[in-house]
N, C-alpha and C. Protein backbone atom coordinates (compact mmCIF):
# COMPACT_ATOMS: atom_id res chain seq x y z
N UNK A 1 -91.53 31.55 5.40
CA UNK A 1 -90.40 31.47 4.51
C UNK A 1 -90.71 30.53 3.34
N UNK A 2 -90.33 30.92 2.16
CA UNK A 2 -90.58 30.04 0.99
C UNK A 2 -89.82 28.77 1.07
N UNK A 3 -90.23 27.77 0.37
CA UNK A 3 -89.53 26.48 0.26
C UNK A 3 -88.14 26.68 -0.35
N UNK A 4 -88.01 27.48 -1.36
CA UNK A 4 -86.63 27.63 -2.06
C UNK A 4 -85.73 28.37 -1.07
N UNK A 5 -86.16 29.43 -0.35
CA UNK A 5 -85.36 30.14 0.58
C UNK A 5 -84.90 29.18 1.73
N UNK A 6 -85.83 28.43 2.23
CA UNK A 6 -85.49 27.58 3.33
C UNK A 6 -84.48 26.51 2.87
N UNK A 7 -84.74 25.88 1.68
CA UNK A 7 -83.90 24.85 1.19
C UNK A 7 -82.44 25.49 0.98
N UNK A 8 -82.40 26.69 0.40
CA UNK A 8 -81.10 27.32 0.17
C UNK A 8 -80.36 27.60 1.45
N UNK A 9 -81.07 28.15 2.44
CA UNK A 9 -80.57 28.59 3.70
C UNK A 9 -80.02 27.33 4.56
N UNK A 10 -80.80 26.32 4.54
CA UNK A 10 -80.31 25.11 5.31
C UNK A 10 -79.11 24.45 4.68
N UNK A 11 -79.07 24.42 3.31
CA UNK A 11 -77.92 23.78 2.62
C UNK A 11 -76.69 24.72 2.74
N UNK A 12 -76.85 26.01 2.54
CA UNK A 12 -75.70 26.94 2.47
C UNK A 12 -75.20 27.39 3.89
N UNK A 13 -76.14 27.57 4.77
CA UNK A 13 -75.70 28.19 6.04
C UNK A 13 -76.52 27.51 7.28
N UNK A 14 -76.34 26.15 7.44
CA UNK A 14 -77.09 25.48 8.43
C UNK A 14 -76.94 25.99 9.85
N UNK A 15 -75.75 26.40 10.19
CA UNK A 15 -75.47 26.91 11.57
C UNK A 15 -76.31 28.11 11.96
N UNK A 16 -76.63 28.93 10.99
CA UNK A 16 -77.55 30.11 11.27
C UNK A 16 -79.01 29.80 11.00
N UNK A 17 -79.33 28.69 10.23
CA UNK A 17 -80.66 28.40 9.90
C UNK A 17 -81.26 27.52 10.94
N UNK A 18 -80.54 26.61 11.59
CA UNK A 18 -81.17 25.73 12.61
C UNK A 18 -81.75 26.50 13.81
N UNK A 19 -81.05 27.57 14.33
CA UNK A 19 -81.74 28.34 15.35
C UNK A 19 -83.09 28.92 14.93
N UNK A 20 -83.17 29.35 13.69
CA UNK A 20 -84.41 29.90 13.17
C UNK A 20 -85.50 28.81 13.12
N UNK A 21 -85.12 27.65 12.60
CA UNK A 21 -86.03 26.49 12.54
C UNK A 21 -86.49 26.06 13.99
N UNK A 22 -85.54 26.18 14.94
CA UNK A 22 -85.80 25.76 16.24
C UNK A 22 -86.98 26.52 16.89
N UNK A 23 -87.12 27.79 16.54
CA UNK A 23 -88.16 28.60 17.13
C UNK A 23 -89.50 28.59 16.41
N UNK A 24 -89.43 28.05 15.20
CA UNK A 24 -90.64 28.14 14.30
C UNK A 24 -91.74 27.21 14.86
N UNK A 25 -92.93 27.59 14.86
CA UNK A 25 -94.14 26.81 15.16
C UNK A 25 -94.73 26.25 13.89
N UNK A 26 -94.94 25.02 13.80
CA UNK A 26 -95.47 24.39 12.65
C UNK A 26 -96.29 23.16 13.09
N UNK A 27 -96.95 22.47 12.12
CA UNK A 27 -97.65 21.24 12.39
C UNK A 27 -97.11 20.21 11.43
N UNK A 28 -97.42 19.00 11.77
CA UNK A 28 -96.95 17.88 10.91
C UNK A 28 -97.54 18.03 9.51
N UNK A 29 -98.75 18.44 9.38
CA UNK A 29 -99.40 18.51 8.03
C UNK A 29 -98.74 19.72 7.27
N UNK A 30 -98.44 20.85 7.96
CA UNK A 30 -97.85 21.98 7.28
C UNK A 30 -96.43 21.59 6.76
N UNK A 31 -95.67 20.94 7.62
CA UNK A 31 -94.34 20.57 7.22
C UNK A 31 -94.36 19.64 6.07
N UNK A 32 -95.26 18.67 6.07
CA UNK A 32 -95.38 17.77 4.97
C UNK A 32 -95.86 18.45 3.73
N UNK A 33 -96.89 19.20 3.79
CA UNK A 33 -97.48 19.75 2.57
C UNK A 33 -96.59 20.92 1.91
N UNK A 34 -96.02 21.70 2.79
CA UNK A 34 -95.20 22.80 2.34
C UNK A 34 -93.75 22.56 2.07
N UNK A 35 -93.21 21.52 2.59
CA UNK A 35 -91.78 21.29 2.44
C UNK A 35 -91.48 19.80 2.07
N UNK A 36 -91.87 18.89 2.87
CA UNK A 36 -91.42 17.51 2.59
C UNK A 36 -91.89 16.88 1.22
N UNK A 37 -93.24 17.00 1.06
CA UNK A 37 -93.84 16.46 -0.21
C UNK A 37 -93.21 17.07 -1.42
N UNK A 38 -93.10 18.44 -1.63
CA UNK A 38 -92.49 18.88 -2.83
C UNK A 38 -91.02 18.50 -2.99
N UNK A 39 -90.18 18.39 -1.93
CA UNK A 39 -88.89 18.05 -2.12
C UNK A 39 -88.67 16.53 -2.28
N UNK A 40 -89.47 15.75 -1.68
CA UNK A 40 -89.42 14.29 -1.85
C UNK A 40 -89.69 13.89 -3.27
N UNK A 41 -90.59 14.67 -3.91
CA UNK A 41 -91.04 14.42 -5.31
C UNK A 41 -89.88 14.61 -6.30
N UNK A 42 -88.96 15.37 -5.99
CA UNK A 42 -87.79 15.68 -6.92
C UNK A 42 -87.17 14.37 -7.41
N UNK A 43 -86.70 13.54 -6.51
CA UNK A 43 -86.04 12.32 -6.84
C UNK A 43 -86.84 11.33 -7.69
N UNK A 44 -87.98 10.88 -7.22
CA UNK A 44 -88.77 9.95 -8.04
C UNK A 44 -89.21 10.57 -9.40
N UNK A 45 -89.51 11.74 -9.58
CA UNK A 45 -89.88 12.31 -10.83
C UNK A 45 -88.68 12.35 -11.74
N UNK A 46 -87.49 12.84 -11.21
CA UNK A 46 -86.30 12.93 -11.95
C UNK A 46 -85.90 11.43 -12.50
N UNK A 47 -85.87 10.52 -11.57
CA UNK A 47 -85.54 9.14 -11.86
C UNK A 47 -86.49 8.48 -12.98
N UNK A 48 -87.73 8.80 -12.77
CA UNK A 48 -88.71 8.33 -13.79
C UNK A 48 -88.31 8.85 -15.22
N UNK A 49 -88.13 10.18 -15.27
CA UNK A 49 -87.76 10.75 -16.55
C UNK A 49 -86.43 10.14 -17.05
N UNK A 50 -85.42 10.03 -16.22
CA UNK A 50 -84.18 9.49 -16.53
C UNK A 50 -84.26 8.10 -17.06
N UNK A 51 -85.02 7.20 -16.41
CA UNK A 51 -85.17 5.83 -16.79
C UNK A 51 -85.88 5.76 -18.18
N UNK A 52 -86.89 6.51 -18.30
CA UNK A 52 -87.68 6.43 -19.55
C UNK A 52 -86.94 6.95 -20.75
N UNK A 53 -86.28 8.09 -20.54
CA UNK A 53 -85.52 8.69 -21.63
C UNK A 53 -84.18 8.11 -21.93
N UNK A 54 -83.39 7.82 -20.83
CA UNK A 54 -82.01 7.20 -21.07
C UNK A 54 -81.83 5.80 -20.75
N UNK A 55 -82.78 5.24 -20.05
CA UNK A 55 -82.67 3.77 -19.65
C UNK A 55 -81.83 3.63 -18.42
N UNK A 56 -81.65 2.39 -18.06
CA UNK A 56 -80.85 1.98 -16.93
C UNK A 56 -79.70 1.26 -17.37
N UNK A 57 -78.47 1.63 -17.03
CA UNK A 57 -77.30 0.86 -17.39
C UNK A 57 -76.98 -0.23 -16.39
N UNK A 58 -76.90 -1.46 -16.83
CA UNK A 58 -76.56 -2.60 -15.93
C UNK A 58 -75.20 -3.09 -16.47
N UNK A 59 -74.22 -3.12 -15.55
CA UNK A 59 -72.91 -3.55 -15.91
C UNK A 59 -72.93 -5.00 -16.53
N UNK A 60 -72.18 -5.16 -17.52
CA UNK A 60 -72.03 -6.46 -18.33
C UNK A 60 -73.27 -6.80 -19.06
N UNK A 61 -74.35 -6.06 -19.04
CA UNK A 61 -75.60 -6.37 -19.75
C UNK A 61 -75.86 -5.20 -20.80
N UNK A 62 -75.66 -4.00 -20.39
CA UNK A 62 -75.91 -2.90 -21.30
C UNK A 62 -77.01 -2.02 -20.73
N UNK A 63 -77.59 -1.16 -21.59
CA UNK A 63 -78.72 -0.28 -21.23
C UNK A 63 -79.97 -0.96 -21.46
N UNK A 64 -80.90 -0.90 -20.42
CA UNK A 64 -82.21 -1.47 -20.53
C UNK A 64 -83.20 -0.36 -20.29
N UNK A 65 -84.16 -0.37 -21.07
CA UNK A 65 -85.26 0.68 -20.97
C UNK A 65 -86.48 0.02 -20.37
N UNK A 66 -86.74 0.39 -19.03
CA UNK A 66 -87.84 -0.17 -18.28
C UNK A 66 -89.15 0.32 -18.95
N UNK A 67 -90.23 -0.42 -18.72
CA UNK A 67 -91.48 0.01 -19.24
C UNK A 67 -92.01 1.21 -18.42
N UNK A 68 -92.95 1.84 -19.01
CA UNK A 68 -93.60 3.02 -18.38
C UNK A 68 -94.30 2.55 -17.00
N UNK A 69 -95.02 1.43 -17.08
CA UNK A 69 -95.70 1.02 -15.84
C UNK A 69 -94.76 0.73 -14.71
N UNK A 70 -93.67 0.01 -14.95
CA UNK A 70 -92.67 -0.26 -14.03
C UNK A 70 -92.04 1.02 -13.51
N UNK A 71 -91.75 1.92 -14.31
CA UNK A 71 -91.18 3.24 -13.95
C UNK A 71 -92.09 4.05 -13.06
N UNK A 72 -93.30 4.06 -13.43
CA UNK A 72 -94.30 4.81 -12.68
C UNK A 72 -94.50 4.13 -11.28
N UNK A 73 -94.59 2.79 -11.29
CA UNK A 73 -94.75 2.10 -10.00
C UNK A 73 -93.51 2.32 -9.07
N UNK A 74 -92.36 2.23 -9.63
CA UNK A 74 -91.21 2.51 -8.79
C UNK A 74 -91.17 3.98 -8.27
N UNK A 75 -91.52 4.90 -9.10
CA UNK A 75 -91.55 6.28 -8.68
C UNK A 75 -92.60 6.52 -7.55
N UNK A 76 -93.76 5.91 -7.75
CA UNK A 76 -94.80 6.06 -6.66
C UNK A 76 -94.42 5.40 -5.39
N UNK A 77 -93.91 4.17 -5.52
CA UNK A 77 -93.46 3.35 -4.27
C UNK A 77 -92.39 4.11 -3.59
N UNK A 78 -91.44 4.63 -4.29
CA UNK A 78 -90.27 5.34 -3.72
C UNK A 78 -90.77 6.59 -3.08
N UNK A 79 -91.69 7.35 -3.65
CA UNK A 79 -92.25 8.53 -3.08
C UNK A 79 -92.88 8.27 -1.79
N UNK A 80 -93.88 7.30 -1.81
CA UNK A 80 -94.63 6.99 -0.61
C UNK A 80 -93.78 6.50 0.54
N UNK A 81 -92.89 5.63 0.21
CA UNK A 81 -91.96 5.07 1.26
C UNK A 81 -90.98 6.13 1.84
N UNK A 82 -90.59 7.10 0.99
CA UNK A 82 -89.79 8.18 1.51
C UNK A 82 -90.55 9.06 2.46
N UNK A 83 -91.81 9.35 2.24
CA UNK A 83 -92.67 10.09 3.09
C UNK A 83 -92.86 9.34 4.46
N UNK A 84 -92.94 8.05 4.34
CA UNK A 84 -93.06 7.29 5.61
C UNK A 84 -91.77 7.25 6.36
N UNK A 85 -90.69 7.12 5.65
CA UNK A 85 -89.41 7.00 6.33
C UNK A 85 -89.00 8.24 7.03
N UNK A 86 -89.37 9.40 6.58
CA UNK A 86 -89.11 10.69 7.26
C UNK A 86 -89.77 10.63 8.65
N UNK A 87 -91.00 10.20 8.68
CA UNK A 87 -91.73 10.13 9.96
C UNK A 87 -91.17 9.04 10.90
N UNK A 88 -90.80 7.92 10.35
CA UNK A 88 -90.14 6.90 11.17
C UNK A 88 -88.81 7.38 11.70
N UNK A 89 -88.01 8.08 10.86
CA UNK A 89 -86.72 8.55 11.31
C UNK A 89 -86.98 9.52 12.42
N UNK A 90 -87.98 10.36 12.31
CA UNK A 90 -88.34 11.35 13.35
C UNK A 90 -88.69 10.60 14.68
N UNK A 91 -89.39 9.59 14.56
CA UNK A 91 -89.75 8.82 15.80
C UNK A 91 -88.55 8.24 16.44
N UNK A 92 -87.56 7.72 15.60
CA UNK A 92 -86.30 7.20 16.13
C UNK A 92 -85.47 8.35 16.79
N UNK A 93 -85.37 9.46 16.16
CA UNK A 93 -84.66 10.55 16.70
C UNK A 93 -85.21 10.95 18.05
N UNK A 94 -86.54 11.05 18.14
CA UNK A 94 -87.18 11.50 19.34
C UNK A 94 -86.97 10.44 20.45
N UNK A 95 -87.13 9.17 20.11
CA UNK A 95 -86.98 8.08 21.06
C UNK A 95 -85.50 8.06 21.63
N UNK A 96 -84.52 8.31 20.82
CA UNK A 96 -83.16 8.25 21.26
C UNK A 96 -82.72 9.48 22.09
N UNK A 97 -83.45 10.59 22.03
CA UNK A 97 -82.96 11.84 22.59
C UNK A 97 -82.50 11.67 24.02
N UNK A 98 -83.30 11.07 24.95
CA UNK A 98 -82.90 10.95 26.33
C UNK A 98 -81.55 10.16 26.55
N UNK A 99 -81.27 9.22 25.66
CA UNK A 99 -80.08 8.47 25.68
C UNK A 99 -78.80 9.30 25.51
N UNK A 100 -79.02 10.48 24.91
CA UNK A 100 -77.88 11.41 24.62
C UNK A 100 -78.08 12.65 25.29
N UNK A 101 -78.80 12.67 26.41
CA UNK A 101 -79.15 13.85 27.23
C UNK A 101 -79.85 14.96 26.48
N UNK A 102 -80.63 14.55 25.44
CA UNK A 102 -81.46 15.46 24.64
C UNK A 102 -82.79 15.52 25.23
N UNK A 103 -83.68 16.36 24.67
CA UNK A 103 -85.01 16.53 25.04
C UNK A 103 -85.94 15.92 24.05
N UNK A 104 -86.87 15.02 24.53
CA UNK A 104 -87.86 14.44 23.57
C UNK A 104 -88.84 15.54 23.16
N UNK A 105 -89.06 15.59 21.81
CA UNK A 105 -89.99 16.43 21.26
C UNK A 105 -90.28 15.99 19.73
N UNK A 106 -91.37 15.35 19.56
CA UNK A 106 -91.66 14.81 18.30
C UNK A 106 -91.62 15.77 17.13
N UNK A 107 -92.18 16.99 17.39
CA UNK A 107 -92.18 17.96 16.27
C UNK A 107 -90.70 18.44 16.01
N UNK A 108 -89.99 18.61 16.98
CA UNK A 108 -88.55 18.98 16.68
C UNK A 108 -87.82 17.90 15.98
N UNK A 109 -88.12 16.70 16.34
CA UNK A 109 -87.42 15.54 15.72
C UNK A 109 -87.89 15.47 14.22
N UNK A 110 -89.21 15.72 13.97
CA UNK A 110 -89.67 15.69 12.59
C UNK A 110 -88.97 16.81 11.75
N UNK A 111 -88.85 18.01 12.38
CA UNK A 111 -88.20 19.09 11.72
C UNK A 111 -86.76 18.68 11.41
N UNK A 112 -86.05 18.08 12.37
CA UNK A 112 -84.73 17.68 12.16
C UNK A 112 -84.58 16.64 11.01
N UNK A 113 -85.48 15.61 10.99
CA UNK A 113 -85.46 14.58 9.99
C UNK A 113 -85.72 15.31 8.58
N UNK A 114 -86.72 16.10 8.57
CA UNK A 114 -87.03 16.73 7.24
C UNK A 114 -85.97 17.72 6.72
N UNK A 115 -85.64 18.67 7.58
CA UNK A 115 -84.69 19.71 7.05
C UNK A 115 -83.25 19.16 6.84
N UNK A 116 -82.88 18.17 7.59
CA UNK A 116 -81.48 17.60 7.36
C UNK A 116 -81.45 16.80 6.10
N UNK A 117 -82.63 16.37 5.61
CA UNK A 117 -82.72 15.51 4.39
C UNK A 117 -82.70 16.40 3.15
N UNK A 118 -82.79 17.69 3.33
CA UNK A 118 -82.92 18.60 2.22
C UNK A 118 -81.89 18.35 1.06
N UNK A 119 -80.65 18.33 1.48
CA UNK A 119 -79.56 18.12 0.42
C UNK A 119 -79.71 16.91 -0.33
N UNK A 120 -80.13 15.76 0.42
CA UNK A 120 -80.27 14.44 -0.40
C UNK A 120 -81.49 14.56 -1.28
N UNK A 121 -82.57 15.18 -0.84
CA UNK A 121 -83.77 15.31 -1.73
C UNK A 121 -83.47 16.20 -2.95
N UNK A 122 -82.77 17.28 -2.72
CA UNK A 122 -82.40 18.22 -3.87
C UNK A 122 -81.56 17.53 -4.79
N UNK A 123 -80.58 16.63 -4.25
CA UNK A 123 -79.70 15.89 -5.13
C UNK A 123 -80.35 14.85 -5.98
N UNK A 124 -81.54 14.59 -5.66
CA UNK A 124 -82.38 13.63 -6.51
C UNK A 124 -82.57 14.10 -7.89
N UNK A 125 -82.36 15.42 -8.17
CA UNK A 125 -82.62 15.98 -9.42
C UNK A 125 -81.59 15.39 -10.50
N UNK A 126 -80.43 14.95 -9.97
CA UNK A 126 -79.49 14.36 -10.91
C UNK A 126 -79.97 13.03 -11.50
N UNK A 127 -80.93 12.44 -10.93
CA UNK A 127 -81.46 11.22 -11.43
C UNK A 127 -82.08 11.40 -12.83
N UNK A 128 -82.29 12.61 -13.31
CA UNK A 128 -82.89 12.86 -14.58
C UNK A 128 -81.85 12.49 -15.72
N UNK A 129 -80.53 12.52 -15.38
CA UNK A 129 -79.55 12.07 -16.28
C UNK A 129 -78.76 10.97 -15.53
N UNK A 130 -79.10 9.78 -15.66
CA UNK A 130 -78.58 8.64 -14.86
C UNK A 130 -77.03 8.60 -14.63
N UNK A 131 -76.26 8.98 -15.64
CA UNK A 131 -74.86 8.94 -15.46
C UNK A 131 -74.32 10.05 -14.56
N UNK A 132 -75.16 10.96 -14.24
CA UNK A 132 -74.85 12.02 -13.29
C UNK A 132 -75.36 11.81 -11.81
N UNK A 133 -76.04 10.64 -11.70
CA UNK A 133 -76.75 10.38 -10.39
C UNK A 133 -75.72 10.30 -9.22
N UNK A 134 -74.47 10.05 -9.53
CA UNK A 134 -73.41 10.04 -8.44
C UNK A 134 -73.25 11.44 -7.82
N UNK A 135 -73.60 12.46 -8.60
CA UNK A 135 -73.58 13.81 -8.04
C UNK A 135 -74.60 14.05 -6.95
N UNK A 136 -75.75 13.38 -7.18
CA UNK A 136 -76.79 13.39 -6.22
C UNK A 136 -76.39 12.77 -4.88
N UNK A 137 -75.65 11.69 -5.03
CA UNK A 137 -75.12 11.00 -3.83
C UNK A 137 -74.14 11.89 -3.07
N UNK A 138 -73.30 12.55 -3.88
CA UNK A 138 -72.38 13.50 -3.21
C UNK A 138 -73.09 14.62 -2.43
N UNK A 139 -74.10 15.17 -3.07
CA UNK A 139 -74.86 16.27 -2.43
C UNK A 139 -75.63 15.61 -1.21
N UNK A 140 -76.09 14.41 -1.39
CA UNK A 140 -76.80 13.77 -0.27
C UNK A 140 -75.91 13.60 1.00
N UNK A 141 -74.65 13.44 0.77
CA UNK A 141 -73.70 13.34 1.91
C UNK A 141 -73.79 14.60 2.73
N UNK A 142 -74.04 15.70 2.16
CA UNK A 142 -74.09 16.91 2.85
C UNK A 142 -75.21 16.90 3.90
N UNK A 143 -76.19 16.04 3.70
CA UNK A 143 -77.31 15.93 4.57
C UNK A 143 -76.81 15.37 5.92
N UNK A 144 -75.72 14.63 5.92
CA UNK A 144 -75.20 14.13 7.16
C UNK A 144 -74.62 15.20 8.01
N UNK A 145 -73.99 16.20 7.33
CA UNK A 145 -73.46 17.34 8.10
C UNK A 145 -74.62 18.17 8.58
N UNK A 146 -75.66 18.32 7.78
CA UNK A 146 -76.85 19.10 8.23
C UNK A 146 -77.46 18.52 9.46
N UNK A 147 -77.58 17.14 9.52
CA UNK A 147 -78.06 16.41 10.66
C UNK A 147 -77.16 16.77 11.91
N UNK A 148 -75.85 16.55 11.67
CA UNK A 148 -74.83 16.85 12.74
C UNK A 148 -74.97 18.19 13.38
N UNK A 149 -75.15 19.22 12.51
CA UNK A 149 -75.38 20.58 13.05
C UNK A 149 -76.71 20.86 13.63
N UNK A 150 -77.69 20.10 13.22
CA UNK A 150 -79.09 20.25 13.77
C UNK A 150 -79.37 19.57 15.07
N UNK A 151 -78.72 18.48 15.32
CA UNK A 151 -79.05 17.69 16.57
C UNK A 151 -78.88 18.49 17.80
N UNK A 152 -77.83 19.20 18.10
CA UNK A 152 -77.73 19.91 19.37
C UNK A 152 -78.77 21.08 19.50
N UNK A 153 -79.05 21.68 18.31
CA UNK A 153 -79.98 22.78 18.30
C UNK A 153 -81.44 22.34 18.54
N UNK A 154 -81.90 21.40 17.78
CA UNK A 154 -83.31 20.99 17.86
C UNK A 154 -83.58 20.05 19.00
N UNK A 155 -82.64 19.11 19.18
CA UNK A 155 -82.90 18.05 20.21
C UNK A 155 -82.30 18.32 21.51
N UNK A 156 -81.57 19.47 21.67
CA UNK A 156 -80.96 19.96 22.87
C UNK A 156 -79.90 18.97 23.45
N UNK A 157 -79.30 18.21 22.67
CA UNK A 157 -78.30 17.30 23.04
C UNK A 157 -77.01 18.05 23.28
N UNK A 158 -76.29 17.79 24.42
CA UNK A 158 -75.04 18.56 24.66
C UNK A 158 -74.01 18.27 23.57
N UNK A 159 -73.23 19.23 23.23
CA UNK A 159 -72.22 19.04 22.11
C UNK A 159 -71.31 17.76 22.26
N UNK A 160 -70.96 17.44 23.50
CA UNK A 160 -70.11 16.32 23.65
C UNK A 160 -70.80 14.96 23.36
N UNK A 161 -72.18 14.95 23.37
CA UNK A 161 -72.93 13.74 23.02
C UNK A 161 -73.47 13.77 21.61
N UNK A 162 -73.54 14.96 21.05
CA UNK A 162 -74.22 15.13 19.77
C UNK A 162 -73.62 14.32 18.60
N UNK A 163 -72.21 14.15 18.60
CA UNK A 163 -71.61 13.39 17.56
C UNK A 163 -72.10 11.93 17.58
N UNK A 164 -72.10 11.30 18.76
CA UNK A 164 -72.47 9.95 18.86
C UNK A 164 -74.00 9.78 18.54
N UNK A 165 -74.76 10.73 19.01
CA UNK A 165 -76.19 10.71 18.74
C UNK A 165 -76.45 10.80 17.21
N UNK A 166 -75.67 11.65 16.56
CA UNK A 166 -75.74 11.80 15.11
C UNK A 166 -75.40 10.49 14.38
N UNK A 167 -74.27 9.78 14.87
CA UNK A 167 -73.88 8.55 14.20
C UNK A 167 -75.00 7.51 14.34
N UNK A 168 -75.59 7.46 15.54
CA UNK A 168 -76.70 6.44 15.74
C UNK A 168 -77.85 6.75 14.84
N UNK A 169 -78.20 8.08 14.67
CA UNK A 169 -79.29 8.41 13.72
C UNK A 169 -78.96 8.03 12.28
N UNK A 170 -77.63 8.20 11.92
CA UNK A 170 -77.20 7.89 10.58
C UNK A 170 -77.35 6.35 10.29
N UNK A 171 -76.99 5.67 11.30
CA UNK A 171 -77.10 4.15 11.20
C UNK A 171 -78.63 3.82 10.96
N UNK A 172 -79.48 4.35 11.76
CA UNK A 172 -80.91 4.19 11.47
C UNK A 172 -81.32 4.64 10.17
N UNK A 173 -80.84 5.80 9.61
CA UNK A 173 -81.15 6.28 8.34
C UNK A 173 -80.67 5.30 7.27
N UNK A 174 -79.52 4.82 7.41
CA UNK A 174 -79.01 3.78 6.45
C UNK A 174 -79.91 2.58 6.38
N UNK A 175 -80.26 2.10 7.53
CA UNK A 175 -81.14 0.86 7.66
C UNK A 175 -82.48 1.13 6.92
N UNK A 176 -83.07 2.34 7.22
CA UNK A 176 -84.33 2.73 6.53
C UNK A 176 -84.12 2.76 5.05
N UNK A 177 -82.97 3.32 4.59
CA UNK A 177 -82.72 3.47 3.15
C UNK A 177 -82.67 2.05 2.53
N UNK A 178 -82.00 1.09 3.10
CA UNK A 178 -81.98 -0.29 2.59
C UNK A 178 -83.35 -1.00 2.69
N UNK A 179 -84.06 -0.70 3.75
CA UNK A 179 -85.47 -1.34 3.80
C UNK A 179 -86.26 -0.78 2.63
N UNK A 180 -86.27 0.50 2.37
CA UNK A 180 -87.02 1.11 1.30
C UNK A 180 -86.49 0.51 -0.03
N UNK A 181 -85.31 0.40 -0.26
CA UNK A 181 -84.71 -0.21 -1.45
C UNK A 181 -85.17 -1.62 -1.70
N UNK A 182 -85.17 -2.35 -0.56
CA UNK A 182 -85.60 -3.78 -0.63
C UNK A 182 -87.10 -3.90 -1.02
N UNK A 183 -87.87 -3.02 -0.45
CA UNK A 183 -89.34 -3.02 -0.76
C UNK A 183 -89.65 -2.68 -2.21
N UNK A 184 -88.94 -1.59 -2.59
CA UNK A 184 -89.16 -1.21 -3.99
C UNK A 184 -88.61 -2.27 -4.95
N UNK A 185 -87.53 -2.88 -4.70
CA UNK A 185 -87.00 -3.95 -5.53
C UNK A 185 -87.98 -5.17 -5.54
N UNK A 186 -88.54 -5.44 -4.34
CA UNK A 186 -89.46 -6.62 -4.37
C UNK A 186 -90.68 -6.32 -5.16
N UNK A 187 -91.14 -5.07 -5.09
CA UNK A 187 -92.41 -4.74 -5.78
C UNK A 187 -92.13 -4.53 -7.33
N UNK A 188 -91.03 -3.91 -7.67
CA UNK A 188 -90.86 -3.53 -9.09
C UNK A 188 -89.44 -3.91 -9.46
N UNK A 189 -89.02 -5.16 -9.29
CA UNK A 189 -87.69 -5.63 -9.50
C UNK A 189 -87.38 -5.78 -10.92
N UNK A 190 -86.14 -6.48 -11.18
CA UNK A 190 -85.73 -6.65 -12.57
C UNK A 190 -86.67 -7.37 -13.44
N UNK A 191 -87.53 -8.20 -12.95
CA UNK A 191 -88.49 -8.96 -13.76
C UNK A 191 -89.36 -8.05 -14.53
N UNK A 192 -89.64 -6.90 -13.99
CA UNK A 192 -90.49 -5.91 -14.73
C UNK A 192 -89.87 -5.38 -15.98
N UNK A 193 -88.44 -5.28 -15.88
CA UNK A 193 -87.66 -4.76 -17.06
C UNK A 193 -87.87 -5.80 -18.20
N UNK A 194 -87.81 -7.10 -17.84
CA UNK A 194 -87.89 -8.08 -18.92
C UNK A 194 -89.26 -8.14 -19.51
N UNK A 195 -90.23 -7.88 -18.71
CA UNK A 195 -91.60 -7.96 -19.25
C UNK A 195 -91.98 -6.62 -19.96
N UNK A 196 -91.19 -5.58 -19.66
CA UNK A 196 -91.52 -4.31 -20.32
C UNK A 196 -92.85 -3.66 -19.78
N UNK A 197 -93.13 -3.88 -18.59
CA UNK A 197 -94.38 -3.37 -18.02
C UNK A 197 -94.17 -1.90 -17.62
């Protein structure tokens, strides 16, 4: 199945797409090269273009145009850390499965982490016009529903435990998000804007 078809199907009809994903045989390298990498690229590339073309609005300060070097560095760091975070999230999903009467399976956990992130990754396109980036956040919230519908199918958690399992995964996802944000900010923080790097 093509990347576009899979992304469209998982976003538009997750309840029918998860059983298809459940039975598919794939490898970590195939999933990364054919699906995760292309979709993860959307956000960093769009944000890079948006920052360079439109700048970054900082309340009470105004619009600041970061330098090309800083913008490239931020995009690369965000991309690499996002790739790592998908794998870490999959490890957490797999590790938690028995606590919610699910079945441990690292490949199924990686598929769940990757495909449930689709809406958030696609929503990254709104970073190209910074004032519309809130639309990306709204679309990204749909990823939480995708996760919820995928947990019982891929991790075999019973329905009565799937909601709590999903909530725990979401908490881990949020923690990973803030860790990535902190790392990117530490590497390419506001000081870079001032220096125009």
